[in-house]
Amino acid sequence: MKNIEPKDYMQDGWDSGPTGCHPYQRGSRHNKIGMFIMWTFYTIVIVQVLYAVTVIPFFPITFMMLLGLGFIFYVQWRAS
């Protein structure tokens, strides 16, 4: 298979941030805080969706919500 170089489809400097920009560091405090906020958001959304599924009695709406969630999880699974 042909190896495509980034210079063939990206402009020069695409991998460098603006002057003074803080570089990403895995495991830094900034990253940990961001991950905590992200997972808190995910948890809140999941709890809200599960609550809506238990409260809304009309089956087609519940089915479509679960179908949408299943599709989201499938896409995430296939993307990783």
Protein backbone atom coordinates (compact mmCIF):
# COMPACT_ATOMS: atom_id res chain seq x y z
CA MET A 1 0.00 0.00 0.00
CA LYS A 2 1.27 3.48 -0.89
CA ASN A 3 2.37 5.64 2.04
CA ILE A 4 0.90 9.15 1.64
CA GLU A 5 2.99 11.91 3.17
CA PRO A 6 1.21 14.70 5.10
CA LYS A 7 2.97 17.32 2.95
CA ASP A 8 0.95 16.02 -0.01
CA TYR A 9 -2.40 17.04 1.48
CA MET A 10 -1.65 19.42 4.40
CA GLN A 11 -0.20 22.92 4.38
CA ASP A 12 3.11 23.70 6.03
CA GLY A 13 2.86 24.32 9.76
CA TRP A 14 -0.37 22.34 10.28
CA ASP A 15 1.12 20.48 13.25
CA SER A 16 2.36 23.53 15.16
CA GLY A 17 0.22 25.82 17.25
CA PRO A 18 0.32 29.61 17.40
CA THR A 19 3.21 31.36 19.14
CA GLY A 20 2.88 30.97 22.90
CA CYS A 21 0.38 28.13 22.64
CA HIS A 22 0.75 25.54 25.39
CA PRO A 23 1.56 22.09 23.93
CA TYR A 24 -0.61 19.11 24.82
CA GLN A 25 0.81 16.93 27.57
CA ARG A 26 -0.79 13.62 28.40
CA GLY A 27 -1.63 13.27 32.08
CA SER A 28 -1.25 16.97 32.86
CA ARG A 29 -3.56 18.65 35.36
CA HIS A 30 -5.26 20.53 32.52
CA ASN A 31 -5.92 17.25 30.70
CA LYS A 32 -7.23 15.53 33.85
CA ILE A 33 -9.64 18.39 34.57
CA GLY A 34 -10.88 18.30 30.98
CA MET A 35 -11.38 14.54 31.10
CA PHE A 36 -13.28 14.86 34.39
CA ILE A 37 -15.60 17.48 32.87
CA MET A 38 -16.11 15.32 29.75
CA TRP A 39 -16.98 12.17 31.70
CA THR A 40 -19.25 14.15 34.02
CA PHE A 41 -21.11 15.42 30.95
CA TYR A 42 -21.36 11.90 29.50
CA THR A 43 -22.72 10.58 32.80
CA ILE A 44 -25.33 13.33 33.06
CA VAL A 45 -26.49 12.73 29.48
CA ILE A 46 -26.74 8.96 30.00
CA VAL A 47 -28.71 9.41 33.23
CA GLN A 48 -31.07 11.88 31.53
CA VAL A 49 -31.67 9.53 28.59
CA LEU A 50 -32.31 6.56 30.89
CA TYR A 51 -34.70 8.66 32.95
CA ALA A 52 -36.53 9.76 29.79
CA VAL A 53 -36.82 6.13 28.67
CA THR A 54 -38.45 5.19 31.98
CA VAL A 55 -40.78 8.22 32.09
CA ILE A 56 -42.05 8.36 28.49
CA PRO A 57 -44.70 5.64 28.22
CA PHE A 58 -45.19 5.81 24.44
CA PHE A 59 -43.27 2.82 23.04
CA PRO A 60 -42.22 4.15 19.60
CA ILE A 61 -40.50 7.17 21.16
CA THR A 62 -38.64 4.95 23.62
CA PHE A 63 -37.73 2.54 20.83
CA MET A 64 -36.37 5.35 18.63
CA MET A 65 -34.33 6.75 21.51
CA LEU A 66 -32.81 3.35 22.21
CA LEU A 67 -32.22 2.79 18.51
CA GLY A 68 -30.41 6.15 18.29
CA LEU A 69 -28.29 5.31 21.32
CA GLY A 70 -27.46 1.93 19.85
CA PHE A 71 -26.39 3.58 16.60
CA ILE A 72 -24.20 6.07 18.49
CA PHE A 73 -22.49 3.28 20.43
CA TYR A 74 -22.03 1.25 17.23
CA VAL A 75 -20.37 4.17 15.43
CA GLN A 76 -18.11 4.83 18.42
CA TRP A 77 -17.18 1.14 18.63
CA ARG A 78 -16.36 0.92 14.91
CA ALA A 79 -14.39 4.19 14.98
CA SER A 80 -12.07 3.06 17.76
